N, C-alpha and C. Protein backbone atom coordinates (compact mmCIF):
# COMPACT_ATOMS: atom_id res chain seq x y z
N MET A 1 169.22 16.48 118.13
CA MET A 1 169.02 17.00 116.16
C MET A 1 170.62 16.91 115.56
N LYS A 2 170.72 16.78 114.47
CA LYS A 2 171.65 16.69 113.86
C LYS A 2 171.90 17.85 113.31
N LEU A 3 173.04 18.39 112.96
CA LEU A 3 173.20 19.95 112.01
C LEU A 3 173.98 19.70 111.22
N SER A 4 173.82 20.44 109.90
CA SER A 4 174.25 20.07 108.64
C SER A 4 175.57 20.69 108.72
N CYS A 5 176.50 20.54 107.75
CA CYS A 5 177.60 21.03 107.57
C CYS A 5 177.57 22.73 107.24
N ALA A 6 176.76 23.15 106.70
CA ALA A 6 176.17 24.67 106.80
C ALA A 6 176.31 25.52 108.02
N HIS A 7 175.15 24.71 108.80
CA HIS A 7 174.87 25.23 109.84
C HIS A 7 176.20 25.24 110.92
N TRP A 8 177.01 24.14 111.04
CA TRP A 8 178.70 24.03 111.68
C TRP A 8 179.19 24.98 111.40
N CYS A 9 179.42 25.71 109.95
CA CYS A 9 179.99 26.84 109.44
C CYS A 9 179.78 28.16 109.94
N LYS A 10 178.38 27.81 110.08
CA LYS A 10 177.75 29.68 110.57
C LYS A 10 178.10 28.98 112.03
N ILE A 11 177.73 28.42 112.50
CA ILE A 11 178.12 28.38 114.21
C ILE A 11 179.94 28.90 114.60
N LYS A 12 180.50 28.42 113.94
CA LYS A 12 181.83 28.62 114.09
C LYS A 12 182.51 29.85 113.60
N GLU A 13 182.09 30.53 112.87
CA GLU A 13 181.84 31.72 112.10
C GLU A 13 182.00 32.68 112.97
N PHE A 14 180.50 32.34 113.51
CA PHE A 14 179.62 33.45 114.61
C PHE A 14 180.73 33.31 116.03
N ILE A 15 180.98 32.27 116.39
CA ILE A 15 182.07 32.19 117.71
C ILE A 15 183.57 32.68 117.49
N VAL A 16 183.91 32.79 116.14
CA VAL A 16 185.12 32.98 115.81
C VAL A 16 185.02 34.73 115.96
N ASN A 17 183.70 35.07 115.36
CA ASN A 17 183.73 36.98 115.43
C ASN A 17 183.08 37.34 116.71
N LEU A 18 182.79 36.74 117.66
CA LEU A 18 182.30 36.95 119.02
C LEU A 18 183.23 38.24 119.51
N LYS A 19 182.10 39.08 119.97
CA LYS A 19 182.98 40.35 120.93
C LYS A 19 182.01 40.63 121.68
N CYS A 20 183.00 41.35 122.56
CA CYS A 20 182.01 41.72 124.21
C CYS A 20 181.03 42.99 123.50
N PRO A 21 180.29 43.24 123.94
CA PRO A 21 178.98 44.40 123.71
C PRO A 21 179.00 45.25 124.19
N GLN A 22 179.66 45.19 125.60
CA GLN A 22 180.29 46.67 125.94
C GLN A 22 181.53 47.28 125.40
N CYS A 23 182.81 46.76 125.35
CA CYS A 23 183.93 46.84 125.03
C CYS A 23 184.90 46.72 123.47
N PHE A 24 183.91 45.59 123.07
CA PHE A 24 183.90 45.13 121.64
C PHE A 24 185.64 44.43 121.50
N SER A 25 186.11 43.77 122.83
CA SER A 25 186.94 43.33 122.65
C SER A 25 186.66 41.64 122.38
N ALA A 26 187.74 41.11 121.45
CA ALA A 26 187.86 40.16 121.46
C ALA A 26 188.05 38.69 122.10
N LYS A 27 188.20 38.78 123.59
CA LYS A 27 188.80 38.40 124.29
C LYS A 27 187.54 37.91 124.82
N VAL A 28 186.63 36.63 124.81
CA VAL A 28 185.41 36.44 125.42
C VAL A 28 185.61 35.25 125.20
N LYS A 29 185.44 34.56 126.53
CA LYS A 29 185.48 33.05 126.96
C LYS A 29 184.04 32.60 127.45
N LEU A 30 183.79 31.79 126.40
CA LEU A 30 182.21 31.01 126.38
C LEU A 30 182.72 29.81 128.23
N CYS A 31 181.58 30.36 128.82
CA CYS A 31 181.32 28.42 129.60
C CYS A 31 181.14 27.81 129.43
N GLU A 32 181.51 26.66 130.17
CA GLU A 32 181.45 25.35 129.26
C GLU A 32 179.36 24.43 130.23
N GLU A 33 179.22 25.22 131.33
CA GLU A 33 177.94 24.98 132.06
C GLU A 33 177.07 25.77 131.38
N GLU A 34 175.82 25.35 131.04
CA GLU A 34 174.68 25.90 130.69
C GLU A 34 174.08 26.83 131.78
N LYS A 35 174.55 28.15 131.59
CA LYS A 35 173.65 29.21 132.56
C LYS A 35 173.48 30.44 131.94
N GLU A 36 172.70 31.83 132.41
CA GLU A 36 171.95 32.49 131.64
C GLU A 36 173.23 33.64 131.13
N ASN A 37 174.13 34.07 131.65
CA ASN A 37 175.21 34.95 131.27
C ASN A 37 176.27 33.71 131.37
N ASN A 38 176.20 33.49 129.83
CA ASN A 38 177.47 32.34 129.44
C ASN A 38 178.60 32.63 129.18
N ALA A 39 178.82 33.87 128.95
CA ALA A 39 179.86 34.61 128.37
C ALA A 39 180.77 35.50 129.00
N THR A 40 181.99 35.47 129.35
CA THR A 40 182.63 36.26 129.91
C THR A 40 183.93 37.42 129.25
N CYS A 41 183.95 38.25 129.47
CA CYS A 41 185.08 39.43 128.60
C CYS A 41 186.19 39.31 129.50
N GLU A 42 187.30 38.94 128.69
CA GLU A 42 188.55 38.60 129.72
C GLU A 42 188.94 40.18 129.73
N SER A 43 188.69 41.20 128.84
CA SER A 43 189.16 42.62 128.89
C SER A 43 188.67 43.67 130.34
N CYS A 44 186.92 43.41 129.93
CA CYS A 44 186.59 44.45 130.82
C CYS A 44 185.65 43.63 132.02
N GLY A 45 185.31 42.61 131.96
CA GLY A 45 185.17 41.67 133.10
C GLY A 45 183.80 41.15 133.05
N CYS A 46 182.85 41.99 132.30
CA CYS A 46 181.56 41.41 132.20
C CYS A 46 181.22 40.53 131.69
N GLU A 47 179.82 40.00 132.34
CA GLU A 47 179.17 38.70 131.82
C GLU A 47 177.92 38.95 130.94
N PHE A 48 177.81 38.18 129.70
CA PHE A 48 176.65 38.58 129.05
C PHE A 48 176.24 37.14 128.50
N LYS A 49 175.14 37.39 127.95
CA LYS A 49 174.45 36.06 127.22
C LYS A 49 174.65 35.70 125.84
N PHE A 50 175.23 34.79 125.44
CA PHE A 50 175.71 34.56 124.09
C PHE A 50 174.48 33.59 123.80
N ASN A 51 173.87 33.80 122.97
CA ASN A 51 172.73 32.99 122.23
C ASN A 51 172.73 33.02 120.41
N PRO A 52 173.20 32.00 120.07
CA PRO A 52 173.50 32.29 118.07
C PRO A 52 172.46 31.61 117.75
N GLU A 53 171.74 32.86 117.05
CA GLU A 53 170.29 32.41 116.41
C GLU A 53 170.84 31.52 115.27
N MET A 54 170.12 30.19 114.94
CA MET A 54 170.52 29.56 113.84
C MET A 54 169.19 29.58 112.83
N VAL A 55 169.49 30.31 111.87
CA VAL A 55 168.44 30.23 110.55
C VAL A 55 168.22 29.15 109.78
N PRO A 56 167.19 28.48 109.41
CA PRO A 56 167.11 27.38 108.52
C PRO A 56 167.25 27.81 107.27
N PRO A 57 168.31 27.04 106.66
CA PRO A 57 168.45 27.83 104.96
C PRO A 57 167.03 27.58 104.14
N LEU A 58 166.98 28.77 103.23
CA LEU A 58 165.71 28.73 102.51
C LEU A 58 165.93 27.38 101.41
N GLN A 59 164.84 27.17 100.99
CA GLN A 59 164.71 25.64 100.48
C GLN A 59 164.04 26.30 99.29
């Protein structure tokens, strides 16, 4: 699946604004391998699922 430039921009914006759901720290590290809890907060150490939902553009 090839993503449009607009989709890539949304994904990059979402990742830049990613914050921990427990302590709201921006020190989040994404795991390089696919697993359920694929993000770890460097501040509090919690692991959580990061799943950016892509909404298709209105046409």
